[in-house]
Amino acid sequence: MTENVLKLTSVQLDSAYSLMFSSDTPKVMVENFNTIGALQEWLSADRRAEFGNDFITNVTREQWKTITRAQGGLETGLKWYKAFLRGINSADEDGMTHPRCPLCFT
């Protein structure tokens, strides 16, 4: 993930929001987030996916943008995701026991 992507997420919050909370999230995320370079391409073009249901509305989008800006943008979450993909914390997590519950998917 490049610094350019981090800057673009700050500027293109509507584009980022529509990608993460699309009406067809699994398909849209696989094609435009999980593929190397696709997130930068998505944000650079200021693309928008269709979003909306009972929980994802224009009101929730505006609330999310306000909260995200107040917390300094998406940089922290994207850095955590990058570390997860690279396995940076894997050694620290080896041997940890995780609670078994339906909400934890274990």
Protein backbone atom coordinates (compact mmCIF):
# COMPACT_ATOMS: atom_id res chain seq x y z
CA MET A 1 0.00 0.00 0.00
CA THR A 2 1.56 3.24 -1.07
CA GLU A 3 1.51 6.62 0.59
CA ASN A 4 -0.55 7.75 -2.40
CA VAL A 5 -3.34 5.33 -1.41
CA LEU A 6 -3.29 6.66 2.14
CA LYS A 7 -3.61 10.23 0.84
CA LEU A 8 -6.35 9.21 -1.59
CA THR A 9 -8.42 7.59 1.17
CA SER A 10 -8.41 10.90 3.03
CA VAL A 11 -9.63 12.82 -0.01
CA GLN A 12 -11.92 10.21 -1.56
CA LEU A 13 -13.93 9.14 1.51
CA ASP A 14 -17.14 8.75 -0.49
CA SER A 15 -15.36 6.45 -2.90
CA ALA A 16 -13.79 4.45 -0.06
CA TYR A 17 -17.13 4.22 1.77
CA SER A 18 -18.98 2.94 -1.27
CA LEU A 19 -16.30 0.30 -1.78
CA MET A 20 -16.42 -0.94 1.82
CA PHE A 21 -20.20 -0.77 2.25
CA SER A 22 -21.37 -1.66 -1.24
CA SER A 23 -24.68 -3.40 -1.83
CA ASP A 24 -22.52 -6.16 -3.36
CA THR A 25 -19.59 -5.97 -0.94
CA PRO A 26 -18.01 -9.42 -1.46
CA LYS A 27 -17.75 -9.03 -5.24
CA VAL A 28 -16.75 -5.36 -5.16
CA MET A 29 -14.11 -5.93 -2.43
CA VAL A 30 -12.54 -8.93 -4.17
CA GLU A 31 -12.23 -7.07 -7.45
CA ASN A 32 -11.27 -3.62 -6.15
CA PHE A 33 -9.62 -4.01 -2.75
CA ASN A 34 -8.02 -7.45 -2.58
CA THR A 35 -6.35 -7.20 -5.98
CA ILE A 36 -2.92 -5.54 -5.84
CA GLY A 37 -3.11 -1.97 -7.10
CA ALA A 38 -6.89 -2.02 -7.46
CA LEU A 39 -7.59 0.18 -4.42
CA GLN A 40 -5.34 2.94 -5.73
CA GLU A 41 -6.99 2.68 -9.15
CA TRP A 42 -10.48 2.78 -7.57
CA LEU A 43 -9.71 5.84 -5.46
CA SER A 44 -7.79 7.67 -8.20
CA ALA A 45 -10.80 7.39 -10.49
CA ASP A 46 -13.11 8.36 -7.59
CA ARG A 47 -15.26 5.36 -8.46
CA ARG A 48 -18.47 4.74 -6.54
CA ALA A 49 -20.21 1.44 -5.94
CA GLU A 50 -23.92 1.31 -5.29
CA PHE A 51 -24.64 1.19 -1.58
CA GLY A 52 -27.67 1.29 0.57
CA ASN A 53 -29.98 -0.86 2.61
CA ASP A 54 -31.80 -0.48 5.93
CA PHE A 55 -28.51 0.16 7.74
CA ILE A 56 -26.35 1.85 5.11
CA THR A 57 -27.86 5.21 4.17
CA ASN A 58 -26.65 8.67 3.22
CA VAL A 59 -27.04 9.63 6.89
CA THR A 60 -24.78 6.79 8.07
CA ARG A 61 -22.30 7.64 5.30
CA GLU A 62 -22.06 11.25 6.51
CA GLN A 63 -21.71 10.08 10.13
CA TRP A 64 -18.95 7.65 9.12
CA LYS A 65 -17.09 10.39 7.24
CA THR A 66 -17.32 12.75 10.22
CA ILE A 67 -16.01 10.08 12.62
CA THR A 68 -13.30 8.94 10.20
CA ARG A 69 -12.02 12.49 9.70
CA ALA A 70 -12.08 13.13 13.48
CA GLN A 71 -9.96 10.00 14.00
CA GLY A 72 -7.37 11.04 11.44
CA GLY A 73 -8.61 9.09 8.43
CA LEU A 74 -8.20 5.47 7.41
CA GLU A 75 -4.42 5.28 7.68
CA THR A 76 -4.32 3.32 10.95
CA GLY A 77 -6.80 0.69 9.78
CA LEU A 78 -5.04 0.29 6.45
CA LYS A 79 -1.67 -0.11 8.17
CA TRP A 80 -3.16 -2.79 10.45
CA TYR A 81 -4.54 -4.59 7.38
CA LYS A 82 -1.15 -4.39 5.65
CA ALA A 83 0.58 -5.84 8.75
CA PHE A 84 -2.02 -8.62 8.90
CA LEU A 85 -1.43 -9.56 5.26
CA ARG A 86 2.33 -9.64 5.79
CA GLY A 87 2.01 -11.77 8.92
CA ILE A 88 3.95 -9.29 11.05
CA ASN A 89 2.15 -10.31 14.26
CA SER A 90 1.83 -14.02 13.47
CA ALA A 91 4.68 -15.10 15.75
CA ASP A 92 3.18 -13.14 18.64
CA GLU A 93 -0.19 -14.78 18.07
CA ASP A 94 1.08 -18.36 17.86
CA GLY A 95 -0.11 -20.39 20.81
CA MET A 96 -2.76 -17.88 21.83
CA THR A 97 -6.08 -19.34 22.76
CA HIS A 98 -9.11 -17.67 21.34
CA PRO A 99 -12.56 -17.83 22.90
CA ARG A 100 -14.98 -20.14 21.17
CA CYS A 101 -18.16 -18.33 20.38
CA PRO A 102 -20.43 -17.94 17.34
CA LEU A 103 -19.57 -14.25 17.07
CA CYS A 104 -15.86 -15.04 16.84
CA PHE A 105 -16.37 -17.55 14.00
CA THR A 106 -14.27 -20.18 15.80
